[in-house]
Amino acid sequence: MAITVSLVALFGLVLFFLLRSRTLGAGAAFIAAGFGFFLASTGAAKPINTLAASLIETVSNL
């Protein structure tokens, strides 16, 4: 768990700086995929899935 959380923090930080500097390419796509993969294995996955489902339901009801 500790390794996963630190990888999520690392990938998130790198992705933040790539997006901020507008340096988007193949490397940024790899970082984004890694961030999503490791984020899915943390405790944050369930609230994120719940939020996404709620947003999809809200948009479909508009």
PDB file of N, CA and C in Angstrom:
ATOM      1  N   MET A   1       0.822  -1.195   0.000  1.00  0.00           N
ATOM      2  CA  MET A   1       0.000   0.000   0.000  1.00  0.00           C
ATOM      3  C   MET A   1       0.862   1.253   0.000  1.00  0.00           C
ATOM      4  N   ALA A   2       1.938   1.270   0.776  1.00  0.00           N
ATOM      5  CA  ALA A   2       2.790   2.465   0.852  1.00  0.00           C
ATOM      6  C   ALA A   2       3.464   2.741  -0.480  1.00  0.00           C
ATOM      7  N   ILE A   3       3.873   1.685  -1.186  1.00  0.00           N
ATOM      8  CA  ILE A   3       4.509   1.875  -2.489  1.00  0.00           C
ATOM      9  C   ILE A   3       3.499   2.393  -3.498  1.00  0.00           C
ATOM     10  N   THR A   4       2.285   1.879  -3.465  1.00  0.00           N
ATOM     11  CA  THR A   4       1.247   2.317  -4.386  1.00  0.00           C
ATOM     12  C   THR A   4       0.913   3.781  -4.174  1.00  0.00           C
ATOM     13  N   VAL A   5       0.758   4.190  -2.927  1.00  0.00           N
ATOM     14  CA  VAL A   5       0.411   5.578  -2.638  1.00  0.00           C
ATOM     15  C   VAL A   5       1.528   6.506  -3.085  1.00  0.00           C
ATOM     16  N   SER A   6       2.780   6.121  -2.865  1.00  0.00           N
ATOM     17  CA  SER A   6       3.866   6.987  -3.279  1.00  0.00           C
ATOM     18  C   SER A   6       3.967   7.057  -4.803  1.00  0.00           C
ATOM     19  N   LEU A   7       3.670   5.977  -5.515  1.00  0.00           N
ATOM     20  CA  LEU A   7       3.662   6.027  -6.970  1.00  0.00           C
ATOM     21  C   LEU A   7       2.516   6.893  -7.478  1.00  0.00           C
ATOM     22  N   VAL A   8       1.365   6.839  -6.816  1.00  0.00           N
ATOM     23  CA  VAL A   8       0.256   7.711  -7.188  1.00  0.00           C
ATOM     24  C   VAL A   8       0.669   9.162  -7.004  1.00  0.00           C
ATOM     25  N   ALA A   9       1.307   9.470  -5.881  1.00  0.00           N
ATOM     26  CA  ALA A   9       1.757  10.843  -5.637  1.00  0.00           C
ATOM     27  C   ALA A   9       2.795  11.266  -6.668  1.00  0.00           C
ATOM     28  N   LEU A  10       3.728  10.390  -6.986  1.00  0.00           N
ATOM     29  CA  LEU A  10       4.764  10.709  -7.965  1.00  0.00           C
ATOM     30  C   LEU A  10       4.168  10.943  -9.350  1.00  0.00           C
ATOM     31  N   PHE A  11       3.343  10.007  -9.818  1.00  0.00           N
ATOM     32  CA  PHE A  11       2.728  10.164 -11.133  1.00  0.00           C
ATOM     33  C   PHE A  11       1.806  11.385 -11.164  1.00  0.00           C
ATOM     34  N   GLY A  12       1.070  11.619 -10.099  1.00  0.00           N
ATOM     35  CA  GLY A  12       0.202  12.792 -10.044  1.00  0.00           C
ATOM     36  C   GLY A  12       0.973  14.089 -10.101  1.00  0.00           C
ATOM     37  N   LEU A  13       2.081  14.148  -9.389  1.00  0.00           N
ATOM     38  CA  LEU A  13       2.915  15.349  -9.387  1.00  0.00           C
ATOM     39  C   LEU A  13       3.535  15.594 -10.763  1.00  0.00           C
ATOM     40  N   VAL A  14       4.057  14.549 -11.369  1.00  0.00           N
ATOM     41  CA  VAL A  14       4.652  14.695 -12.702  1.00  0.00           C
ATOM     42  C   VAL A  14       3.583  15.098 -13.715  1.00  0.00           C
ATOM     43  N   LEU A  15       2.410  14.482 -13.647  1.00  0.00           N
ATOM     44  CA  LEU A  15       1.325  14.825 -14.561  1.00  0.00           C
ATOM     45  C   LEU A  15       0.882  16.265 -14.366  1.00  0.00           C
ATOM     46  N   PHE A  16       0.807  16.722 -13.127  1.00  0.00           N
ATOM     47  CA  PHE A  16       0.441  18.112 -12.847  1.00  0.00           C
ATOM     48  C   PHE A  16       1.410  19.068 -13.524  1.00  0.00           C
ATOM     49  N   PHE A  17       2.707  18.816 -13.377  1.00  0.00           N
ATOM     50  CA  PHE A  17       3.693  19.706 -13.979  1.00  0.00           C
ATOM     51  C   PHE A  17       3.700  19.618 -15.504  1.00  0.00           C
ATOM     52  N   LEU A  18       3.456  18.431 -16.063  1.00  0.00           N
ATOM     53  CA  LEU A  18       3.366  18.310 -17.518  1.00  0.00           C
ATOM     54  C   LEU A  18       2.173  19.088 -18.057  1.00  0.00           C
ATOM     55  N   LEU A  19       1.048  18.999 -17.376  1.00  0.00           N
ATOM     56  CA  LEU A  19      -0.130  19.746 -17.808  1.00  0.00           C
ATOM     57  C   LEU A  19       0.068  21.248 -17.630  1.00  0.00           C
ATOM     58  N   ARG A  20       0.714  21.628 -16.553  1.00  0.00           N
ATOM     59  CA  ARG A  20       0.941  23.045 -16.280  1.00  0.00           C
ATOM     60  C   ARG A  20       1.888  23.658 -17.314  1.00  0.00           C
ATOM     61  N   SER A  21       2.899  22.923 -17.712  1.00  0.00           N
ATOM     62  CA  SER A  21       3.860  23.441 -18.688  1.00  0.00           C
ATOM     63  C   SER A  21       3.401  23.208 -20.130  1.00  0.00           C
ATOM     64  N   ARG A  22       2.249  22.574 -20.299  1.00  0.00           N
ATOM     65  CA  ARG A  22       1.674  22.266 -21.610  1.00  0.00           C
ATOM     66  C   ARG A  22       2.617  21.419 -22.466  1.00  0.00           C
ATOM     67  N   THR A  23       3.349  20.547 -21.807  1.00  0.00           N
ATOM     68  CA  THR A  23       4.236  19.611 -22.493  1.00  0.00           C
ATOM     69  C   THR A  23       3.519  18.273 -22.595  1.00  0.00           C
ATOM     70  N   LEU A  24       2.670  18.157 -23.577  1.00  0.00           N
ATOM     71  CA  LEU A  24       1.867  16.953 -23.712  1.00  0.00           C
ATOM     72  C   LEU A  24       2.329  16.162 -24.928  1.00  0.00           C
ATOM     73  N   GLY A  25       2.679  14.941 -24.706  1.00  0.00           N
ATOM     74  CA  GLY A  25       3.130  14.059 -25.778  1.00  0.00           C
ATOM     75  C   GLY A  25       2.966  12.623 -25.343  1.00  0.00           C
ATOM     76  N   ALA A  26       3.774  11.753 -25.911  1.00  0.00           N
ATOM     77  CA  ALA A  26       3.695  10.331 -25.574  1.00  0.00           C
ATOM     78  C   ALA A  26       4.077  10.098 -24.115  1.00  0.00           C
ATOM     79  N   GLY A  27       5.058  10.835 -23.615  1.00  0.00           N
ATOM     80  CA  GLY A  27       5.467  10.700 -22.216  1.00  0.00           C
ATOM     81  C   GLY A  27       4.352  11.072 -21.262  1.00  0.00           C
ATOM     82  N   ALA A  28       3.624  12.145 -21.584  1.00  0.00           N
ATOM     83  CA  ALA A  28       2.501  12.566 -20.739  1.00  0.00           C
ATOM     84  C   ALA A  28       1.385  11.525 -20.751  1.00  0.00           C
ATOM     85  N   ALA A  29       1.168  10.901 -21.897  1.00  0.00           N
ATOM     86  CA  ALA A  29       0.152   9.852 -21.976  1.00  0.00           C
ATOM     87  C   ALA A  29       0.539   8.660 -21.102  1.00  0.00           C
ATOM     88  N   PHE A  30       1.815   8.306 -21.110  1.00  0.00           N
ATOM     89  CA  PHE A  30       2.302   7.216 -20.262  1.00  0.00           C
ATOM     90  C   PHE A  30       2.130   7.565 -18.787  1.00  0.00           C
ATOM     91  N   ILE A  31       2.477   8.789 -18.410  1.00  0.00           N
ATOM     92  CA  ILE A  31       2.334   9.235 -17.026  1.00  0.00           C
ATOM     93  C   ILE A  31       0.867   9.217 -16.619  1.00  0.00           C
ATOM     94  N   ALA A  32      -0.020   9.700 -17.488  1.00  0.00           N
ATOM     95  CA  ALA A  32      -1.450   9.717 -17.178  1.00  0.00           C
ATOM     96  C   ALA A  32      -1.996   8.299 -17.003  1.00  0.00           C
ATOM     97  N   ALA A  33      -1.568   7.375 -17.860  1.00  0.00           N
ATOM     98  CA  ALA A  33      -2.020   5.988 -17.740  1.00  0.00           C
ATOM     99  C   ALA A  33      -1.499   5.356 -16.451  1.00  0.00           C
ATOM    100  N   GLY A  34      -0.242   5.612 -16.119  1.00  0.00           N
ATOM    101  CA  GLY A  34       0.323   5.100 -14.870  1.00  0.00           C
ATOM    102  C   GLY A  34      -0.375   5.670 -13.655  1.00  0.00           C
ATOM    103  N   PHE A  35      -0.684   6.967 -13.711  1.00  0.00           N
ATOM    104  CA  PHE A  35      -1.395   7.613 -12.606  1.00  0.00           C
ATOM    105  C   PHE A  35      -2.768   6.973 -12.414  1.00  0.00           C
ATOM    106  N   GLY A  36      -3.486   6.767 -13.500  1.00  0.00           N
ATOM    107  CA  GLY A  36      -4.807   6.141 -13.406  1.00  0.00           C
ATOM    108  C   GLY A  36      -4.736   4.710 -12.904  1.00  0.00           C
ATOM    109  N   PHE A  37      -3.750   3.974 -13.383  1.00  0.00           N
ATOM    110  CA  PHE A  37      -3.593   2.576 -12.962  1.00  0.00           C
ATOM    111  C   PHE A  37      -3.322   2.492 -11.465  1.00  0.00           C
ATOM    112  N   PHE A  38      -2.385   3.279 -10.961  1.00  0.00           N
ATOM    113  CA  PHE A  38      -2.053   3.210  -9.550  1.00  0.00           C
ATOM    114  C   PHE A  38      -3.120   3.856  -8.665  1.00  0.00           C
ATOM    115  N   LEU A  39      -3.820   4.860  -9.178  1.00  0.00           N
ATOM    116  CA  LEU A  39      -4.900   5.468  -8.418  1.00  0.00           C
ATOM    117  C   LEU A  39      -6.043   4.478  -8.237  1.00  0.00           C
ATOM    118  N   ALA A  40      -6.274   3.642  -9.234  1.00  0.00           N
ATOM    119  CA  ALA A  40      -7.354   2.653  -9.159  1.00  0.00           C
ATOM    120  C   ALA A  40      -7.107   1.605  -8.082  1.00  0.00           C
ATOM    121  N   SER A  41      -5.866   1.419  -7.692  1.00  0.00           N
ATOM    122  CA  SER A  41      -5.573   0.402  -6.688  1.00  0.00           C
ATOM    123  C   SER A  41      -5.495   0.984  -5.273  1.00  0.00           C
ATOM    124  N   THR A  42      -5.819   2.259  -5.108  1.00  0.00           N
ATOM    125  CA  THR A  42      -5.821   2.872  -3.783  1.00  0.00           C
ATOM    126  C   THR A  42      -7.241   2.937  -3.247  1.00  0.00           C
ATOM    127  N   GLY A  43      -7.382   3.441  -2.058  1.00  0.00           N
ATOM    128  CA  GLY A  43      -8.698   3.613  -1.454  1.00  0.00           C
ATOM    129  C   GLY A  43      -9.519   4.697  -2.108  1.00  0.00           C
ATOM    130  N   ALA A  44      -8.904   5.514  -2.947  1.00  0.00           N
ATOM    131  CA  ALA A  44      -9.618   6.600  -3.619  1.00  0.00           C
ATOM    132  C   ALA A  44     -10.429   6.110  -4.804  1.00  0.00           C
ATOM    133  N   ALA A  45     -10.271   4.857  -5.206  1.00  0.00           N
ATOM    134  CA  ALA A  45     -10.940   4.348  -6.401  1.00  0.00           C
ATOM    135  C   ALA A  45     -12.461   4.335  -6.243  1.00  0.00           C
ATOM    136  N   LYS A  46     -12.962   3.883  -5.112  1.00  0.00           N
ATOM    137  CA  LYS A  46     -14.418   3.791  -4.928  1.00  0.00           C
ATOM    138  C   LYS A  46     -15.090   5.166  -4.950  1.00  0.00           C
ATOM    139  N   PRO A  47     -14.597   6.183  -4.209  1.00  0.00           N
ATOM    140  CA  PRO A  47     -15.241   7.502  -4.303  1.00  0.00           C
ATOM    141  C   PRO A  47     -15.156   8.116  -5.707  1.00  0.00           C
ATOM    142  N   ILE A  48     -14.058   7.877  -6.421  1.00  0.00           N
ATOM    143  CA  ILE A  48     -13.924   8.408  -7.781  1.00  0.00           C
ATOM    144  C   ILE A  48     -14.937   7.735  -8.705  1.00  0.00           C
ATOM    145  N   ASN A  49     -15.105   6.424  -8.582  1.00  0.00           N
ATOM    146  CA  ASN A  49     -16.096   5.715  -9.399  1.00  0.00           C
ATOM    147  C   ASN A  49     -17.511   6.181  -9.077  1.00  0.00           C
ATOM    148  N   THR A  50     -17.802   6.417  -7.800  1.00  0.00           N
ATOM    149  CA  THR A  50     -19.112   6.902  -7.390  1.00  0.00           C
ATOM    150  C   THR A  50     -19.375   8.295  -7.959  1.00  0.00           C
ATOM    151  N   LEU A  51     -18.374   9.169  -7.893  1.00  0.00           N
ATOM    152  CA  LEU A  51     -18.509  10.517  -8.435  1.00  0.00           C
ATOM    153  C   LEU A  51     -18.727  10.480  -9.943  1.00  0.00           C
ATOM    154  N   ALA A  52     -17.966   9.662 -10.649  1.00  0.00           N
ATOM    155  CA  ALA A  52     -18.111   9.559 -12.102  1.00  0.00           C
ATOM    156  C   ALA A  52     -19.499   9.030 -12.469  1.00  0.00           C
ATOM    157  N   ALA A  53     -19.986   8.037 -11.751  1.00  0.00           N
ATOM    158  CA  ALA A  53     -21.316   7.491 -12.021  1.00  0.00           C
ATOM    159  C   ALA A  53     -22.392   8.537 -11.765  1.00  0.00           C
ATOM    160  N   SER A  54     -22.234   9.313 -10.712  1.00  0.00           N
ATOM    161  CA  SER A  54     -23.196  10.372 -10.406  1.00  0.00           C
ATOM    162  C   SER A  54     -23.201  11.443 -11.487  1.00  0.00           C
ATOM    163  N   LEU A  55     -22.008  11.829 -11.952  1.00  0.00           N
ATOM    164  CA  LEU A  55     -21.938  12.832 -13.019  1.00  0.00           C
ATOM    165  C   LEU A  55     -22.563  12.336 -14.315  1.00  0.00           C
ATOM    166  N   ILE A  56     -22.314  11.081 -14.659  1.00  0.00           N
ATOM    167  CA  ILE A  56     -22.900  10.508 -15.875  1.00  0.00           C
ATOM    168  C   ILE A  56     -24.404  10.463 -15.767  1.00  0.00           C
ATOM    169  N   GLU A  57     -24.909  10.082 -14.606  1.00  0.00           N
ATOM    170  CA  GLU A  57     -26.356  10.022 -14.401  1.00  0.00           C
ATOM    171  C   GLU A  57     -26.974  11.417 -14.480  1.00  0.00           C
ATOM    172  N   THR A  58     -26.307  12.405 -13.896  1.00  0.00           N
ATOM    173  CA  THR A  58     -26.809  13.772 -13.921  1.00  0.00           C
ATOM    174  C   THR A  58     -26.857  14.312 -15.347  1.00  0.00           C
ATOM    175  N   VAL A  59     -25.818  14.071 -16.110  1.00  0.00           N
ATOM    176  CA  VAL A  59     -25.773  14.560 -17.501  1.00  0.00           C
ATOM    177  C   VAL A  59     -26.835  13.866 -18.344  1.00  0.00           C
ATOM    178  N   SER A  60     -27.049  12.581 -18.128  1.00  0.00           N
ATOM    179  CA  SER A  60     -28.048  11.870 -18.924  1.00  0.00           C
ATOM    180  C   SER A  60     -29.466  12.298 -18.582  1.00  0.00           C
ATOM    181  N   ASN A  61     -29.678  12.847 -17.381  1.00  0.00           N
ATOM    182  CA  ASN A  61     -31.014  13.306 -16.991  1.00  0.00           C
ATOM    183  C   ASN A  61     -31.302  14.733 -17.438  1.00  0.00           C
ATOM    184  N   LEU A  62     -30.307  15.404 -18.011  1.00  0.00           N
ATOM    185  CA  LEU A  62     -30.538  16.777 -18.477  1.00  0.00           C
ATOM    186  C   LEU A  62     -31.280  16.787 -19.741  1.00  0.00           C
TER     187      LEU A  62
END
